[in-house]
PDB file of all heavy atoms in Angstrom:
ATOM      1  N   GLY A   1     236.328  31.422 -70.001  1.00  0.00           N
ATOM      2  CA  GLY A   1     235.990  30.127 -70.484  1.00  0.00           C
ATOM      3  C   GLY A   1     235.022  29.980 -71.772  1.00  0.00           C
ATOM      4  O   GLY A   1     234.097  29.483 -71.844  1.00  0.00           O
ATOM      5  N   LEU A   2     235.627  30.752 -72.863  1.00  0.00           N
ATOM      6  CA  LEU A   2     234.703  30.874 -74.044  1.00  0.00           C
ATOM      7  C   LEU A   2     234.800  29.518 -74.698  1.00  0.00           C
ATOM      8  O   LEU A   2     235.569  28.804 -74.703  1.00  0.00           O
ATOM      9  CB  LEU A   2     235.498  31.920 -74.881  1.00  0.00           C
ATOM     10  CG  LEU A   2     235.255  33.313 -74.581  1.00  0.00           C
ATOM     11  CD1 LEU A   2     236.209  34.192 -75.289  1.00  0.00           C
ATOM     12  CD2 LEU A   2     233.862  33.739 -74.856  1.00  0.00           C
ATOM     13  N   LYS A   3     233.448  29.349 -75.282  1.00  0.00           N
ATOM     14  CA  LYS A   3     233.151  28.157 -76.018  1.00  0.00           C
ATOM     15  C   LYS A   3     232.770  28.474 -77.642  1.00  0.00           C
ATOM     16  O   LYS A   3     232.434  29.640 -77.779  1.00  0.00           O
ATOM     17  CB  LYS A   3     231.940  27.537 -75.358  1.00  0.00           C
ATOM     18  CG  LYS A   3     232.046  27.129 -73.924  1.00  0.00           C
ATOM     19  CD  LYS A   3     230.664  26.659 -73.435  1.00  0.00           C
ATOM     20  CE  LYS A   3     230.803  26.428 -71.807  1.00  0.00           C
ATOM     21  NZ  LYS A   3     229.552  25.989 -71.176  1.00  0.00           N
ATOM     22  N   PRO A   4     233.010  27.470 -78.359  1.00  0.00           N
ATOM     23  CA  PRO A   4     232.527  27.776 -79.779  1.00  0.00           C
ATOM     24  C   PRO A   4     231.289  28.309 -80.026  1.00  0.00           C
ATOM     25  O   PRO A   4     230.978  29.133 -80.845  1.00  0.00           O
ATOM     26  CB  PRO A   4     232.740  26.462 -80.425  1.00  0.00           C
ATOM     27  CG  PRO A   4     233.798  25.740 -79.735  1.00  0.00           C
ATOM     28  CD  PRO A   4     233.586  26.174 -78.289  1.00  0.00           C
ATOM     29  N   GLU A   5     230.334  28.007 -79.209  1.00  0.00           N
ATOM     30  CA  GLU A   5     228.875  28.430 -79.231  1.00  0.00           C
ATOM     31  C   GLU A   5     228.744  29.863 -78.781  1.00  0.00           C
ATOM     32  O   GLU A   5     227.715  30.467 -78.973  1.00  0.00           O
ATOM     33  CB  GLU A   5     227.880  27.521 -78.415  1.00  0.00           C
ATOM     34  CG  GLU A   5     228.242  27.298 -77.035  1.00  0.00           C
ATOM     35  CD  GLU A   5     229.063  25.982 -76.808  1.00  0.00           C
ATOM     36  OE1 GLU A   5     229.950  25.507 -77.653  1.00  0.00           O
ATOM     37  OE2 GLU A   5     228.736  25.256 -75.901  1.00  0.00           O
ATOM     38  N   ASP A   6     229.813  30.522 -78.262  1.00  0.00           N
ATOM     39  CA  ASP A   6     229.795  31.866 -77.968  1.00  0.00           C
ATOM     40  C   ASP A   6     230.043  32.740 -79.195  1.00  0.00           C
ATOM     41  O   ASP A   6     230.001  33.968 -79.105  1.00  0.00           O
ATOM     42  CB  ASP A   6     230.761  32.262 -76.851  1.00  0.00           C
ATOM     43  CG  ASP A   6     230.463  31.588 -75.531  1.00  0.00           C
ATOM     44  OD1 ASP A   6     229.290  31.558 -75.193  1.00  0.00           O
ATOM     45  OD2 ASP A   6     231.367  31.071 -74.848  1.00  0.00           O
ATOM     46  N   THR A   7     230.562  32.144 -80.330  1.00  0.00           N
ATOM     47  CA  THR A   7     230.736  32.802 -81.578  1.00  0.00           C
ATOM     48  C   THR A   7     229.616  33.701 -81.939  1.00  0.00           C
ATOM     49  O   THR A   7     228.509  33.147 -82.138  1.00  0.00           O
ATOM     50  CB  THR A   7     231.280  31.913 -82.645  1.00  0.00           C
ATOM     51  OG1 THR A   7     232.493  31.372 -82.143  1.00  0.00           O
ATOM     52  CG2 THR A   7     231.427  32.597 -83.862  1.00  0.00           C
ATOM     53  N   ALA A   8     229.813  34.878 -82.178  1.00  0.00           N
ATOM     54  CA  ALA A   8     228.617  35.861 -82.575  1.00  0.00           C
ATOM     55  C   ALA A   8     229.215  37.252 -82.694  1.00  0.00           C
ATOM     56  O   ALA A   8     230.351  37.539 -82.282  1.00  0.00           O
ATOM     57  CB  ALA A   8     227.577  35.733 -81.444  1.00  0.00           C
ATOM     58  N   VAL A   9     228.256  38.121 -83.251  1.00  0.00           N
ATOM     59  CA  VAL A   9     228.576  39.531 -83.130  1.00  0.00           C
ATOM     60  C   VAL A   9     227.874  39.924 -81.878  1.00  0.00           C
ATOM     61  O   VAL A   9     226.754  39.796 -81.623  1.00  0.00           O
ATOM     62  CB  VAL A   9     227.909  40.336 -84.356  1.00  0.00           C
ATOM     63  CG1 VAL A   9     228.060  41.735 -84.128  1.00  0.00           C
ATOM     64  CG2 VAL A   9     228.598  39.947 -85.641  1.00  0.00           C
ATOM     65  N   TYR A  10     228.689  40.582 -80.993  1.00  0.00           N
ATOM     66  CA  TYR A  10     228.383  41.209 -79.633  1.00  0.00           C
ATOM     67  C   TYR A  10     228.006  42.600 -79.822  1.00  0.00           C
ATOM     68  O   TYR A  10     228.791  43.389 -80.265  1.00  0.00           O
ATOM     69  CB  TYR A  10     229.402  40.915 -78.676  1.00  0.00           C
ATOM     70  CG  TYR A  10     229.379  39.486 -78.309  1.00  0.00           C
ATOM     71  CD1 TYR A  10     229.910  38.474 -79.106  1.00  0.00           C
ATOM     72  CD2 TYR A  10     228.940  39.038 -76.982  1.00  0.00           C
ATOM     73  CE1 TYR A  10     229.814  37.171 -78.626  1.00  0.00           C
ATOM     74  CE2 TYR A  10     228.887  37.731 -76.613  1.00  0.00           C
ATOM     75  CZ  TYR A  10     229.390  36.710 -77.414  1.00  0.00           C
ATOM     76  OH  TYR A  10     229.321  35.412 -77.022  1.00  0.00           O
ATOM     77  N   SER A  11     226.816  43.184 -79.327  1.00  0.00           N
ATOM     78  CA  SER A  11     226.371  44.437 -79.312  1.00  0.00           C
ATOM     79  C   SER A  11     226.105  44.949 -77.995  1.00  0.00           C
ATOM     80  O   SER A  11     225.486  44.176 -77.151  1.00  0.00           O
ATOM     81  CB  SER A  11     225.195  44.645 -80.454  1.00  0.00           C
ATOM     82  OG  SER A  11     225.595  44.272 -81.737  1.00  0.00           O
ATOM     83  N   CYS A  12     226.497  46.215 -77.741  1.00  0.00           N
ATOM     84  CA  CYS A  12     225.815  46.832 -76.512  1.00  0.00           C
ATOM     85  C   CYS A  12     224.667  47.561 -76.783  1.00  0.00           C
ATOM     86  O   CYS A  12     224.518  48.236 -77.955  1.00  0.00           O
ATOM     87  CB  CYS A  12     227.027  47.621 -75.821  1.00  0.00           C
ATOM     88  SG  CYS A  12     227.560  48.958 -76.610  1.00  0.00           S
ATOM     89  N   ALA A  13     223.919  47.899 -75.817  1.00  0.00           N
ATOM     90  CA  ALA A  13     222.744  48.522 -75.966  1.00  0.00           C
ATOM     91  C   ALA A  13     222.333  49.280 -74.628  1.00  0.00           C
ATOM     92  O   ALA A  13     222.617  48.897 -73.605  1.00  0.00           O
ATOM     93  CB  ALA A  13     221.530  47.515 -76.440  1.00  0.00           C
ATOM     94  N   ALA A  14     221.603  50.404 -74.835  1.00  0.00           N
ATOM     95  CA  ALA A  14     221.233  51.157 -73.773  1.00  0.00           C
ATOM     96  C   ALA A  14     219.677  51.149 -73.647  1.00  0.00           C
ATOM     97  O   ALA A  14     218.900  51.257 -74.556  1.00  0.00           O
ATOM     98  CB  ALA A  14     221.646  52.621 -73.916  1.00  0.00           C
ATOM     99  N   LYS A  15     219.331  51.148 -72.215  1.00  0.00           N
ATOM    100  CA  LYS A  15     217.852  50.976 -71.902  1.00  0.00           C
ATOM    101  C   LYS A  15     217.598  51.993 -70.844  1.00  0.00           C
ATOM    102  O   LYS A  15     218.294  51.950 -69.761  1.00  0.00           O
ATOM    103  CB  LYS A  15     217.477  49.543 -71.534  1.00  0.00           C
ATOM    104  CG  LYS A  15     216.195  49.372 -70.894  1.00  0.00           C
ATOM    105  CD  LYS A  15     216.008  47.972 -70.278  1.00  0.00           C
ATOM    106  CE  LYS A  15     214.826  47.738 -69.637  1.00  0.00           C
ATOM    107  NZ  LYS A  15     214.475  48.687 -68.591  1.00  0.00           N
ATOM    108  N   ARG A  16     216.584  52.738 -70.981  1.00  0.00           N
ATOM    109  CA  ARG A  16     216.120  53.540 -69.746  1.00  0.00           C
ATOM    110  C   ARG A  16     215.507  52.655 -68.697  1.00  0.00           C
ATOM    111  O   ARG A  16     214.873  51.610 -68.976  1.00  0.00           O
ATOM    112  CB  ARG A  16     215.134  54.474 -70.236  1.00  0.00           C
ATOM    113  CG  ARG A  16     215.703  55.690 -71.124  1.00  0.00           C
ATOM    114  CD  ARG A  16     214.448  56.682 -71.348  1.00  0.00           C
ATOM    115  NE  ARG A  16     215.062  57.993 -71.876  1.00  0.00           N
ATOM    116  CZ  ARG A  16     215.161  58.156 -73.109  1.00  0.00           C
ATOM    117  NH1 ARG A  16     214.784  57.265 -74.033  1.00  0.00           N
ATOM    118  NH2 ARG A  16     215.653  59.296 -73.537  1.00  0.00           N
ATOM    119  N   GLY A  17     215.641  53.131 -67.398  1.00  0.00           N
ATOM    120  CA  GLY A  17     215.066  52.465 -66.225  1.00  0.00           C
ATOM    121  C   GLY A  17     215.871  51.301 -65.584  1.00  0.00           C
ATOM    122  O   GLY A  17     217.039  51.216 -65.913  1.00  0.00           O
ATOM    123  N   ILE A  18     215.319  50.586 -64.740  1.00  0.00           N
ATOM    124  CA  ILE A  18     215.923  49.645 -64.067  1.00  0.00           C
ATOM    125  C   ILE A  18     215.906  48.320 -64.758  1.00  0.00           C
ATOM    126  O   ILE A  18     214.800  47.849 -65.217  1.00  0.00           O
ATOM    127  CB  ILE A  18     215.269  49.553 -62.587  1.00  0.00           C
ATOM    128  CG1 ILE A  18     215.375  50.839 -61.943  1.00  0.00           C
ATOM    129  CG2 ILE A  18     215.907  48.364 -61.795  1.00  0.00           C
ATOM    130  CD1 ILE A  18     214.524  50.799 -60.540  1.00  0.00           C
ATOM    131  N   PRO A  19     217.010  47.637 -64.846  1.00  0.00           N
ATOM    132  CA  PRO A  19     216.934  46.340 -65.566  1.00  0.00           C
ATOM    133  C   PRO A  19     216.029  45.390 -64.856  1.00  0.00           C
ATOM    134  O   PRO A  19     215.738  45.382 -63.668  1.00  0.00           O
ATOM    135  CB  PRO A  19     218.355  45.733 -65.355  1.00  0.00           C
ATOM    136  CG  PRO A  19     219.282  46.916 -65.071  1.00  0.00           C
ATOM    137  CD  PRO A  19     218.307  47.911 -64.390  1.00  0.00           C
ATOM    138  N   SER A  20     215.534  44.400 -65.789  1.00  0.00           N
ATOM    139  CA  SER A  20     214.732  43.392 -65.318  1.00  0.00           C
ATOM    140  C   SER A  20     215.078  42.064 -65.869  1.00  0.00           C
ATOM    141  O   SER A  20     215.957  42.061 -66.810  1.00  0.00           O
ATOM    142  CB  SER A  20     213.206  43.667 -65.506  1.00  0.00           C
ATOM    143  OG  SER A  20     212.815  43.645 -66.913  1.00  0.00           O
ATOM    144  N   MET A  21     214.298  40.955 -65.784  1.00  0.00           N
ATOM    145  CA  MET A  21     214.517  39.741 -66.490  1.00  0.00           C
ATOM    146  C   MET A  21     214.022  39.811 -67.893  1.00  0.00           C
ATOM    147  O   MET A  21     214.163  38.712 -68.553  1.00  0.00           O
ATOM    148  CB  MET A  21     213.975  38.587 -65.612  1.00  0.00           C
ATOM    149  CG  MET A  21     214.777  38.289 -64.412  1.00  0.00           C
ATOM    150  SD  MET A  21     216.530  37.851 -64.721  1.00  0.00           S
ATOM    151  CE  MET A  21     216.357  36.461 -65.784  1.00  0.00           C
ATOM    152  N   ARG A  22     213.272  40.815 -68.286  1.00  0.00           N
ATOM    153  CA  ARG A  22     212.878  40.887 -69.709  1.00  0.00           C
ATOM    154  C   ARG A  22     214.185  40.895 -70.553  1.00  0.00           C
ATOM    155  O   ARG A  22     215.142  41.749 -70.261  1.00  0.00           O
ATOM    156  CB  ARG A  22     212.165  42.230 -69.905  1.00  0.00           C
ATOM    157  CG  ARG A  22     210.713  42.047 -69.389  1.00  0.00           C
ATOM    158  CD  ARG A  22     209.888  43.364 -69.687  1.00  0.00           C
ATOM    159  NE  ARG A  22     209.884  43.669 -71.132  1.00  0.00           N
ATOM    160  CZ  ARG A  22     208.835  43.317 -71.849  1.00  0.00           C
ATOM    161  NH1 ARG A  22     208.032  42.584 -71.477  1.00  0.00           N
ATOM    162  NH2 ARG A  22     208.999  43.579 -73.202  1.00  0.00           N
ATOM    163  N   THR A  23     214.159  40.104 -71.539  1.00  0.00           N
ATOM    164  CA  THR A  23     215.402  39.971 -72.383  1.00  0.00           C
ATOM    165  C   THR A  23     215.218  40.457 -73.929  1.00  0.00           C
ATOM    166  O   THR A  23     216.150  40.364 -74.676  1.00  0.00           O
ATOM    167  CB  THR A  23     215.939  38.545 -72.496  1.00  0.00           C
ATOM    168  OG1 THR A  23     214.771  37.665 -72.915  1.00  0.00           O
ATOM    169  CG2 THR A  23     216.114  38.144 -71.018  1.00  0.00           C
ATOM    170  N   SER A  24     214.048  40.894 -74.125  1.00  0.00           N
ATOM    171  CA  SER A  24     213.867  41.457 -75.508  1.00  0.00           C
ATOM    172  C   SER A  24     214.691  42.591 -75.966  1.00  0.00           C
ATOM    173  O   SER A  24     214.761  43.584 -75.311  1.00  0.00           O
ATOM    174  CB  SER A  24     212.258  41.760 -75.657  1.00  0.00           C
ATOM    175  OG  SER A  24     212.049  42.484 -76.950  1.00  0.00           O
ATOM    176  N   PRO A  25     215.276  42.492 -77.114  1.00  0.00           N
ATOM    177  CA  PRO A  25     216.103  43.749 -77.626  1.00  0.00           C
ATOM    178  C   PRO A  25     215.224  44.879 -77.699  1.00  0.00           C
ATOM    179  O   PRO A  25     215.726  45.980 -77.911  1.00  0.00           O
ATOM    180  CB  PRO A  25     216.700  43.083 -78.940  1.00  0.00           C
ATOM    181  CG  PRO A  25     215.878  42.017 -79.222  1.00  0.00           C
ATOM    182  CD  PRO A  25     215.338  41.438 -78.060  1.00  0.00           C
ATOM    183  N   HIS A  26     213.822  44.699 -77.888  1.00  0.00           N
ATOM    184  CA  HIS A  26     212.999  45.854 -78.182  1.00  0.00           C
ATOM    185  C   HIS A  26     212.983  46.696 -77.032  1.00  0.00           C
ATOM    186  O   HIS A  26     212.358  47.854 -77.051  1.00  0.00           O
ATOM    187  CB  HIS A  26     211.630  45.407 -78.541  1.00  0.00           C
ATOM    188  CG  HIS A  26     211.507  44.584 -79.941  1.00  0.00           C
ATOM    189  ND1 HIS A  26     210.728  43.586 -80.245  1.00  0.00           N
ATOM    190  CD2 HIS A  26     212.387  44.751 -81.034  1.00  0.00           C
ATOM    191  CE1 HIS A  26     210.930  43.171 -81.365  1.00  0.00           C
ATOM    192  NE2 HIS A  26     211.875  43.826 -81.800  1.00  0.00           N
ATOM    193  N   ASP A  27     213.426  46.363 -75.886  1.00  0.00           N
ATOM    194  CA  ASP A  27     213.409  47.126 -74.627  1.00  0.00           C
ATOM    195  C   ASP A  27     214.493  48.171 -74.729  1.00  0.00           C
ATOM    196  O   ASP A  27     214.582  49.007 -73.790  1.00  0.00           O
ATOM    197  CB  ASP A  27     213.441  46.314 -73.329  1.00  0.00           C
ATOM    198  CG  ASP A  27     212.245  45.464 -73.188  1.00  0.00           C
ATOM    199  OD1 ASP A  27     211.194  45.841 -73.640  1.00  0.00           O
ATOM    200  OD2 ASP A  27     212.448  44.412 -72.390  1.00  0.00           O
ATOM    201  N   TYR A  28     215.498  48.030 -75.571  1.00  0.00           N
ATOM    202  CA  TYR A  28     216.702  48.845 -75.711  1.00  0.00           C
ATOM    203  C   TYR A  28     216.572  49.837 -76.762  1.00  0.00           C
ATOM    204  O   TYR A  28     216.264  49.484 -77.870  1.00  0.00           O
ATOM    205  CB  TYR A  28     217.952  47.948 -75.746  1.00  0.00           C
ATOM    206  CG  TYR A  28     218.192  47.071 -74.574  1.00  0.00           C
ATOM    207  CD1 TYR A  28     217.418  45.999 -74.302  1.00  0.00           C
ATOM    208  CD2 TYR A  28     219.146  47.579 -73.627  1.00  0.00           C
ATOM    209  CE1 TYR A  28     217.598  45.182 -73.173  1.00  0.00           C
ATOM    210  CE2 TYR A  28     219.213  46.810 -72.477  1.00  0.00           C
ATOM    211  CZ  TYR A  28     218.512  45.591 -72.212  1.00  0.00           C
ATOM    212  OH  TYR A  28     218.767  44.912 -71.171  1.00  0.00           O
ATOM    213  N   GLU A  29     216.977  51.126 -76.410  1.00  0.00           N
ATOM    214  CA  GLU A  29     216.680  52.337 -77.247  1.00  0.00           C
ATOM    215  C   GLU A  29     217.904  52.561 -78.227  1.00  0.00           C
ATOM    216  O   GLU A  29     217.704  52.886 -79.333  1.00  0.00           O
ATOM    217  CB  GLU A  29     216.372  53.545 -76.423  1.00  0.00           C
ATOM    218  CG  GLU A  29     216.072  54.694 -77.304  1.00  0.00           C
ATOM    219  CD  GLU A  29     215.615  55.848 -76.391  1.00  0.00           C
ATOM    220  OE1 GLU A  29     215.540  55.683 -75.077  1.00  0.00           O
ATOM    221  OE2 GLU A  29     215.342  56.986 -76.831  1.00  0.00           O
ATOM    222  N   TYR A  30     219.137  52.347 -77.855  1.00  0.00           N
ATOM    223  CA  TYR A  30     220.284  52.641 -78.566  1.00  0.00           C
ATOM    224  C   TYR A  30     221.135  51.435 -78.670  1.00  0.00           C
ATOM    225  O   TYR A  30     221.280  50.609 -77.679  1.00  0.00           O
ATOM    226  CB  TYR A  30     221.016  53.868 -77.723  1.00  0.00           C
ATOM    227  CG  TYR A  30     220.269  55.050 -77.782  1.00  0.00           C
ATOM    228  CD1 TYR A  30     219.726  55.419 -76.560  1.00  0.00           C
ATOM    229  CD2 TYR A  30     220.024  55.824 -78.795  1.00  0.00           C
ATOM    230  CE1 TYR A  30     219.056  56.641 -76.425  1.00  0.00           C
ATOM    231  CE2 TYR A  30     219.232  57.021 -78.772  1.00  0.00           C
ATOM    232  CZ  TYR A  30     218.789  57.441 -77.514  1.00  0.00           C
ATOM    233  OH  TYR A  30     217.943  58.538 -77.402  1.00  0.00           O
TER     234      TYR A  30
END
């Protein structure tokens, strides 16, 4: 169900530990 507002560069990232609702990219190491 993609929308025009989904247009972006999508990146994956790796984070140590258990996920939480914190959404900062600074939490991701790689």
